[in-house]
Amino acid sequence: MNNSYLSRAKNGHGTNVSSAPAELENKSGLWTRIKNLLPQNNPTLREDLYLALQQSDIGKSTFSAGERVMLANVLKLADMQVKDVAVPRADIDAADQDETLGQVVEKFRSSGHSRLPVFAENLDDIVGMVHIKDALQHLTAPVEKPNGSPIKMLNASLKLKLGDCKDMIRKLLFVPPSMPVSDLLQSMQATRLHMAIVVDEYGGTDGLVTIEDLLEAVVGDIEDEHDDEDVALVFKEGENVYCADARADLEELREIIGPEFDPGELAQEADTLGGLVFSLIDRVPARGEVITQLKGFEFEILEADPRRVRRVRIVKRPRGLKVRLRHRGAPAPSATTELDNKSQQQPEPDIGK
C-alpha cells in the first residue's frame, strides 16, 4: 500500500458531528428520564449513568430492558476502538480488479454481502469498493442495438474486467486500529462512506469495518430478510460431539445433549451458548481455543471475531475421563477412542495369583 493510503487514514476521521444534549432533551423525553435516574450532586454523568443502569431494579426502572442494554452499549462506545469491532483480515471477502463482472456477481451471491473491497495485487493494495447495486445497474443498462441487430449485452458485460469499469469502484475510508468507534461512526455519517479498511502501522490491511458492524455494537446482531431463520442452530457431528451456533439457547442445548449439560449458576448470567462461554473465562475466546471449565464438557471455538463467539464444537467427555489439552485446530476427541486408550493402559489382572 502506498503512502497516500496512510494519509487517507489520517484524514478519514476529521469530521465532527454535533450531538448536543440540549437538542436531545428537546426532541424526546429520554434525556429527562436519564437525569431523573441519576444523583443530582455527582458531576460525573457517565459514571453515574452506568452505575445506575447496573444497580437499578428492572421492575422499578423507568427504562425497559432493551433500553438499558442499548444505553449501556452506548456508554461502552467511549472505550471501544476500531480493532474491537473490525472483521479480521482472514475473514475479509474481497474482489480482485482483474476479475470479470460475472465472477464479482458470483462472489456477491456466495458471500451474501452488498459491498466488497476491491484490491489490485493483494489485500494490502486496496483500491476501493464495489456495491452490488452498481454492478447490477451496469449489467442491466439499456443500449441501442446497432443496425437493429440483436446483441447479447448481458453476456458481453459479464466478461468485462472490474478494473475496466472505473465508475463502479467507489471510495472507502482508511482508518487506524486505535481510532475510537464513535469517531468512525461520525466520519461515515459525514462522508456517506459505509466501509472502512483498517490499516496497521506499516500500511498493510489489518481488517474491515462497515457501518452495520458499528450499529451492532449498540443494538446487537442485525439480521435482515435474507438471513435464513430455518438453519438449525445445533446439530450432532458424531458420538458425544455437537456443533452449535453461539446463539443457541442453553435450555435447547440441554434438551439435545442431555441433563449432564448443566451450566448451574452460570445459567442466571447467560441465556445462550456464546454467553456461557464468555462467563466461563470472562473474555471473548480466540478461534481454535479449547475451553474446559465446565465439568464434563469441552468447548472448541470454531468461529469468533474480536466481539463475539459465532460457532462452537461441544464435546461431551465420559465420566472419569481426565481433561486432555489439545493444540488449536486438532480434531475433537472421540469418546470411543479415549475409552479404548484408557482400557489399553490398564494392566490385565493376573488370574494365577
Protein backbone atom coordinates (compact mmCIF):
# COMPACT_ATOMS: atom_id res chain seq x y z
CA MET A 1 0.00 0.00 0.00
CA ASN A 2 1.39 3.43 -0.93
CA ASN A 3 1.73 6.46 1.33
CA SER A 4 -1.47 8.04 0.02
CA TYR A 5 -3.42 5.34 1.85
CA LEU A 6 -1.75 6.30 5.11
CA SER A 7 -2.56 9.95 4.54
CA ARG A 8 -6.19 8.98 3.92
CA ALA A 9 -6.16 7.01 7.14
CA LYS A 10 -5.17 10.17 9.00
CA ASN A 11 -7.72 12.37 7.25
CA GLY A 12 -10.56 9.86 7.27
CA HIS A 13 -11.88 10.76 10.73
CA GLY A 14 -11.64 14.53 10.88
CA THR A 15 -15.37 15.17 10.66
CA ASN A 16 -17.18 16.17 13.81
CA VAL A 17 -20.88 15.59 14.25
CA SER A 18 -22.69 17.72 16.81
CA SER A 19 -24.86 15.91 19.30
CA ALA A 20 -25.65 18.47 21.99
CA PRO A 21 -27.65 17.12 24.96
CA ALA A 22 -29.97 20.13 24.71
CA GLU A 23 -31.14 19.01 21.29
CA LEU A 24 -31.79 15.52 22.60
CA GLU A 25 -33.78 16.89 25.52
CA ASN A 26 -35.98 18.99 23.24
CA LYS A 27 -36.66 16.13 20.84
CA SER A 28 -37.62 13.40 23.30
CA GLY A 29 -38.13 12.62 26.95
CA LEU A 30 -35.22 10.17 27.09
CA TRP A 31 -32.77 12.74 28.42
CA THR A 32 -35.22 13.79 31.15
CA ARG A 33 -35.65 10.20 32.28
CA ILE A 34 -31.88 9.77 32.37
CA LYS A 35 -31.44 12.85 34.57
CA ASN A 36 -34.18 11.71 36.95
CA LEU A 37 -32.40 8.38 37.37
CA LEU A 38 -29.10 9.97 38.40
CA PRO A 39 -27.99 11.57 41.68
CA GLN A 40 -28.02 15.33 41.12
CA ASN A 41 -24.94 16.09 43.22
CA ASN A 42 -22.42 13.95 41.31
CA PRO A 43 -20.73 15.73 38.37
CA THR A 44 -19.56 12.52 36.61
CA LEU A 45 -22.53 11.89 34.35
CA ARG A 46 -21.09 8.86 32.53
CA GLU A 47 -20.12 7.00 35.72
CA ASP A 48 -23.45 7.84 37.37
CA LEU A 49 -25.46 6.61 34.41
CA TYR A 50 -23.50 3.39 34.03
CA LEU A 51 -23.77 2.66 37.77
CA ALA A 52 -27.50 3.39 37.75
CA LEU A 53 -28.08 1.05 34.83
CA GLN A 54 -26.23 -1.73 36.64
CA GLN A 55 -27.93 -1.31 40.02
CA SER A 56 -31.42 -0.13 39.16
CA ASP A 57 -34.17 -2.69 39.70
CA ILE A 58 -35.68 -3.59 36.32
CA GLY A 59 -39.15 -3.75 37.81
CA LYS A 60 -38.92 -0.21 39.19
CA SER A 61 -36.78 1.31 36.45
CA THR A 62 -38.13 3.92 34.03
CA PHE A 63 -36.21 2.09 31.28
CA SER A 64 -37.19 -1.14 29.60
CA ALA A 65 -34.70 -4.00 29.44
CA GLY A 66 -33.93 -3.17 25.81
CA GLU A 67 -33.31 0.48 26.60
CA ARG A 68 -30.99 -0.43 29.44
CA VAL A 69 -28.90 -2.70 27.19
CA MET A 70 -28.60 -0.08 24.45
CA LEU A 71 -27.73 2.71 26.87
CA ALA A 72 -25.03 0.53 28.44
CA ASN A 73 -23.64 -0.27 24.99
CA VAL A 74 -23.60 3.42 24.06
CA LEU A 75 -21.56 4.16 27.17
CA LYS A 76 -19.11 1.40 26.23
CA LEU A 77 -18.50 3.02 22.83
CA ALA A 78 -16.28 5.60 24.51
CA ASP A 79 -13.82 2.83 25.40
CA MET A 80 -14.13 0.86 22.15
CA GLN A 81 -11.67 1.14 19.29
CA VAL A 82 -12.00 0.13 15.66
CA LYS A 83 -9.93 -3.01 16.27
CA ASP A 84 -12.59 -4.21 18.73
CA VAL A 85 -15.33 -4.37 16.07
CA ALA A 86 -13.36 -4.99 12.86
CA VAL A 87 -13.65 -8.13 10.77
CA PRO A 88 -10.20 -9.82 10.84
CA ARG A 89 -8.11 -9.84 7.68
CA ALA A 90 -8.50 -13.62 7.33
CA ASP A 91 -12.31 -13.27 7.13
CA ILE A 92 -12.44 -10.47 4.55
CA ASP A 93 -14.30 -11.24 1.31
CA ALA A 94 -12.82 -9.08 -1.45
CA ALA A 95 -12.87 -8.77 -5.24
CA ASP A 96 -9.81 -8.69 -7.49
CA GLN A 97 -9.91 -5.85 -10.02
CA ASP A 98 -8.81 -8.37 -12.68
CA GLU A 99 -11.92 -10.50 -12.09
CA THR A 100 -14.79 -10.29 -14.55
CA LEU A 101 -18.15 -8.82 -13.58
CA GLY A 102 -19.59 -12.30 -13.78
CA GLN A 103 -17.11 -13.52 -11.18
CA VAL A 104 -17.83 -10.49 -8.98
CA VAL A 105 -21.59 -11.11 -9.13
CA GLU A 106 -20.99 -14.72 -8.14
CA LYS A 107 -18.87 -13.52 -5.22
CA PHE A 108 -21.73 -11.27 -4.11
CA ARG A 109 -24.06 -14.27 -4.27
CA SER A 110 -21.82 -16.64 -2.34
CA SER A 111 -20.74 -14.17 0.35
CA GLY A 112 -24.13 -12.55 0.92
CA HIS A 113 -22.56 -9.09 1.15
CA SER A 114 -23.79 -5.96 -0.63
CA ARG A 115 -20.34 -4.32 -0.63
CA LEU A 116 -16.93 -5.80 -1.39
CA PRO A 117 -13.50 -4.16 -1.14
CA VAL A 118 -11.53 -4.20 -4.39
CA PHE A 119 -7.78 -4.89 -4.46
CA ALA A 120 -5.10 -4.67 -7.17
CA GLU A 121 -2.40 -7.20 -6.31
CA ASN A 122 -3.35 -8.35 -2.80
CA LEU A 123 -5.31 -7.24 0.26
CA ASP A 124 -2.56 -4.77 1.15
CA ASP A 125 -3.34 -2.86 -2.06
CA ILE A 126 -7.00 -1.87 -1.66
CA VAL A 127 -8.15 0.49 -4.42
CA GLY A 128 -11.79 0.97 -3.41
CA MET A 129 -15.06 -0.89 -3.03
CA VAL A 130 -17.84 -2.11 -5.30
CA HIS A 131 -21.56 -2.13 -4.45
CA ILE A 132 -23.89 -4.78 -5.80
CA LYS A 133 -26.32 -2.05 -6.95
CA ASP A 134 -23.63 -0.53 -9.18
CA ALA A 135 -22.78 -3.94 -10.62
CA LEU A 136 -26.41 -4.76 -11.43
CA GLN A 137 -27.04 -1.29 -12.84
CA HIS A 138 -24.06 -1.67 -15.14
CA LEU A 139 -25.17 -5.11 -16.30
CA THR A 140 -28.77 -4.05 -16.98
CA ALA A 141 -28.08 -0.62 -18.54
CA PRO A 142 -30.11 -0.19 -21.78
CA VAL A 143 -28.16 0.22 -25.03
CA GLU A 144 -29.11 0.92 -28.63
CA LYS A 145 -28.78 -2.06 -30.91
CA PRO A 146 -26.59 -1.29 -33.94
CA ASN A 147 -28.45 -1.63 -37.25
CA GLY A 148 -31.33 -3.21 -35.38
CA SER A 149 -29.40 -6.46 -34.95
CA PRO A 150 -29.95 -8.22 -31.63
CA ILE A 151 -26.93 -8.49 -29.32
CA LYS A 152 -26.41 -10.26 -26.03
CA MET A 153 -25.36 -7.25 -23.98
CA LEU A 154 -25.61 -9.05 -20.64
CA ASN A 155 -23.17 -11.78 -21.68
CA ALA A 156 -20.76 -9.18 -23.06
CA SER A 157 -20.86 -7.16 -19.82
CA LEU A 158 -20.25 -10.22 -17.68
CA LYS A 159 -16.92 -10.70 -19.42
CA LEU A 160 -15.70 -7.17 -18.66
CA LYS A 161 -12.99 -6.84 -16.02
CA LEU A 162 -13.90 -4.99 -12.86
CA GLY A 163 -10.81 -2.79 -13.18
CA ASP A 164 -12.01 -1.55 -16.58
CA CYS A 165 -15.25 -0.25 -15.03
CA LYS A 166 -13.76 2.67 -13.12
CA ASP A 167 -17.16 4.22 -12.46
CA MET A 168 -18.15 1.18 -10.40
CA ILE A 169 -15.22 1.35 -7.97
CA ARG A 170 -16.12 3.74 -5.17
CA LYS A 171 -14.01 5.32 -2.44
CA LEU A 172 -13.79 3.98 1.09
CA LEU A 173 -12.17 5.06 4.34
CA PHE A 174 -8.75 4.04 5.63
CA VAL A 175 -8.51 4.16 9.42
CA PRO A 176 -6.02 3.07 12.12
CA PRO A 177 -6.91 0.26 14.56
CA SER A 178 -6.79 2.63 17.53
CA MET A 179 -9.41 5.01 16.16
CA PRO A 180 -12.41 5.38 18.53
CA VAL A 181 -15.57 3.70 17.25
CA SER A 182 -17.61 6.86 17.84
CA ASP A 183 -15.23 8.88 15.64
CA LEU A 184 -15.52 6.37 12.81
CA LEU A 185 -19.31 6.41 13.04
CA GLN A 186 -19.32 10.20 12.75
CA SER A 187 -16.91 10.03 9.82
CA MET A 188 -19.11 7.51 7.99
CA GLN A 189 -22.14 9.71 8.53
CA ALA A 190 -20.34 12.81 7.25
CA THR A 191 -18.69 11.23 4.20
CA ARG A 192 -21.54 8.79 3.36
CA LEU A 193 -18.91 6.07 3.02
CA HIS A 194 -20.08 2.96 4.87
CA MET A 195 -16.97 0.81 4.58
CA ALA A 196 -13.54 1.34 6.13
CA ILE A 197 -10.28 -0.58 5.79
CA VAL A 198 -8.25 -0.89 8.98
CA VAL A 199 -4.55 -0.33 8.21
CA ASP A 200 -1.66 -1.19 10.51
CA GLU A 201 1.43 0.91 11.17
CA TYR A 202 3.12 -0.44 8.05
CA GLY A 203 0.21 0.37 5.75
CA GLY A 204 -1.00 -3.22 5.46
CA THR A 205 -4.63 -4.26 5.68
CA ASP A 206 -5.49 -5.38 9.20
CA GLY A 207 -9.27 -5.66 8.96
CA LEU A 208 -12.53 -4.25 7.66
CA VAL A 209 -15.41 -2.34 9.27
CA THR A 210 -18.86 -1.49 7.91
CA ILE A 211 -21.46 0.80 9.40
CA GLU A 212 -23.50 -2.29 10.27
CA ASP A 213 -20.65 -3.50 12.49
CA LEU A 214 -20.78 -0.20 14.38
CA LEU A 215 -24.55 -0.32 14.80
CA GLU A 216 -24.41 -3.91 16.04
CA ALA A 217 -22.05 -2.77 18.79
CA VAL A 218 -25.02 -0.79 20.17
CA VAL A 219 -28.17 -2.74 19.29
CA GLY A 220 -26.78 -6.27 18.91
CA ASP A 221 -26.87 -8.58 15.89
CA ILE A 222 -28.90 -7.25 12.96
CA GLU A 223 -30.47 -9.90 10.75
CA ASP A 224 -32.23 -8.98 7.52
CA GLU A 225 -34.76 -10.73 5.29
CA HIS A 226 -32.01 -12.71 3.58
CA ASP A 227 -30.84 -14.42 6.76
CA ASP A 228 -32.11 -17.99 6.94
CA GLU A 229 -34.28 -18.48 10.01
CA ASP A 230 -34.68 -22.22 9.43
CA VAL A 231 -31.00 -23.13 9.78
CA ALA A 232 -30.52 -25.50 12.72
CA LEU A 233 -28.50 -23.86 15.48
CA VAL A 234 -27.38 -27.22 16.89
CA PHE A 235 -26.60 -30.49 15.13
CA LYS A 236 -24.81 -33.69 16.06
CA GLU A 237 -21.42 -34.30 14.42
CA GLY A 238 -20.70 -37.68 15.98
CA GLU A 239 -20.82 -39.67 19.18
CA ASN A 240 -20.93 -37.11 22.02
CA VAL A 241 -19.85 -34.33 19.64
CA TYR A 242 -22.12 -31.42 18.70
CA CYS A 243 -21.68 -28.31 16.57
CA ALA A 244 -23.67 -25.29 17.70
CA ASP A 245 -24.25 -21.68 16.80
CA ALA A 246 -23.26 -19.39 19.66
CA ARG A 247 -26.82 -18.03 19.65
CA ALA A 248 -28.22 -21.44 20.65
CA ASP A 249 -30.37 -21.31 23.77
CA LEU A 250 -28.98 -23.13 26.81
CA GLU A 251 -32.30 -24.83 27.52
CA GLU A 252 -32.41 -26.12 23.95
CA LEU A 253 -28.85 -27.44 24.29
CA ARG A 254 -29.78 -29.24 27.49
CA GLU A 255 -32.70 -30.95 25.74
CA ILE A 256 -30.48 -32.09 22.85
CA ILE A 257 -27.34 -33.08 24.76
CA GLY A 258 -28.95 -34.37 27.94
CA PRO A 259 -29.26 -33.47 31.63
CA GLU A 260 -25.48 -33.76 32.04
CA PHE A 261 -25.20 -30.39 30.30
CA ASP A 262 -25.77 -28.27 33.38
CA PRO A 263 -24.34 -24.71 33.46
CA GLY A 264 -25.56 -24.33 37.04
CA GLU A 265 -25.48 -20.78 38.36
CA LEU A 266 -23.95 -19.55 35.11
CA ALA A 267 -27.37 -20.01 33.50
CA GLN A 268 -28.51 -16.99 35.53
CA GLU A 269 -25.89 -14.83 33.80
CA ALA A 270 -26.27 -16.16 30.25
CA ASP A 271 -29.09 -17.45 28.08
CA THR A 272 -27.05 -18.55 25.05
CA LEU A 273 -24.03 -20.73 24.38
CA GLY A 274 -21.92 -17.70 23.49
CA GLY A 275 -22.84 -16.02 26.76
CA LEU A 276 -21.96 -19.20 28.68
CA VAL A 277 -18.52 -19.42 27.06
CA PHE A 278 -17.86 -15.78 27.88
CA SER A 279 -18.95 -16.30 31.50
CA LEU A 280 -16.63 -19.30 31.88
CA ILE A 281 -13.46 -17.34 31.04
CA ASP A 282 -14.58 -13.68 31.41
CA ARG A 283 -13.47 -12.75 27.89
CA VAL A 284 -14.14 -13.45 24.23
CA PRO A 285 -12.08 -16.52 23.28
CA ALA A 286 -9.99 -16.78 20.12
CA ARG A 287 -10.69 -19.10 17.22
CA GLY A 288 -9.26 -22.56 17.88
CA GLU A 289 -9.22 -22.14 21.66
CA VAL A 290 -10.46 -25.07 23.76
CA ILE A 291 -12.34 -24.29 26.98
CA THR A 292 -12.66 -26.98 29.65
CA GLN A 293 -14.04 -25.07 32.64
CA LEU A 294 -17.49 -26.69 32.51
CA LYS A 295 -17.44 -30.10 34.16
CA GLY A 296 -17.77 -32.96 31.70
CA PHE A 297 -17.55 -30.83 28.54
CA GLU A 298 -15.08 -29.20 26.18
CA PHE A 299 -15.88 -26.19 24.01
CA GLU A 300 -13.75 -25.69 20.91
CA ILE A 301 -14.17 -22.27 19.32
CA LEU A 302 -14.68 -22.79 15.58
CA GLU A 303 -15.56 -19.23 14.61
CA ALA A 304 -15.09 -15.99 16.53
CA ASP A 305 -14.24 -12.34 15.99
CA PRO A 306 -12.96 -9.74 18.49
CA ARG A 307 -16.51 -9.04 19.67
CA ARG A 308 -18.26 -12.38 19.90
CA VAL A 309 -18.17 -16.14 19.54
CA ARG A 310 -20.02 -17.41 16.47
CA ARG A 311 -19.72 -21.21 16.30
CA VAL A 312 -18.66 -23.80 18.88
CA ARG A 313 -17.96 -27.53 18.88
CA ILE A 314 -19.19 -29.18 22.08
CA VAL A 315 -17.52 -32.42 23.17
CA LYS A 316 -19.11 -34.45 25.96
CA ARG A 317 -16.47 -36.28 27.98
CA PRO A 318 -17.35 -39.67 29.52
CA ARG A 319 -17.39 -39.84 33.31
CA GLY A 320 -14.00 -40.25 34.90
CA LEU A 321 -12.16 -39.08 31.80
CA LYS A 322 -9.50 -36.53 32.61
CA VAL A 323 -9.19 -33.30 30.67
CA ARG A 324 -6.61 -33.63 27.92
CA LEU A 325 -5.12 -30.47 26.45
CA ARG A 326 -5.15 -30.20 22.68
CA HIS A 327 -3.47 -27.90 20.24
CA ARG A 328 -5.53 -25.43 18.24
CA GLY A 329 -7.19 -26.95 15.23
CA ALA A 330 -6.75 -30.51 16.47
CA PRO A 331 -9.74 -32.77 15.80
CA ALA A 332 -12.22 -33.28 18.56
CA PRO A 333 -11.50 -36.39 20.64
CA SER A 334 -13.65 -39.45 20.09
CA ALA A 335 -15.22 -40.83 23.22
CA THR A 336 -14.75 -44.38 21.92
CA THR A 337 -11.06 -43.79 21.19
CA GLU A 338 -10.47 -42.28 24.61
CA LEU A 339 -12.06 -45.23 26.38
CA ASP A 340 -10.12 -47.71 24.25
CA ASN A 341 -6.85 -46.00 25.07
CA LYS A 342 -7.72 -45.95 28.73
CA SER A 343 -8.53 -49.66 28.77
CA GLN A 344 -5.28 -50.47 26.97
CA GLN A 345 -3.28 -48.66 29.63
CA GLN A 346 -4.82 -50.67 32.48
CA PRO A 347 -2.81 -53.84 33.39
CA GLU A 348 -4.59 -57.13 32.92
CA PRO A 349 -5.41 -58.99 36.16
CA ASP A 350 -3.16 -61.98 36.98
CA ILE A 351 -5.62 -64.85 37.28
CA GLY A 352 -2.96 -67.24 38.58
CA LYS A 353 -2.35 -65.28 41.76
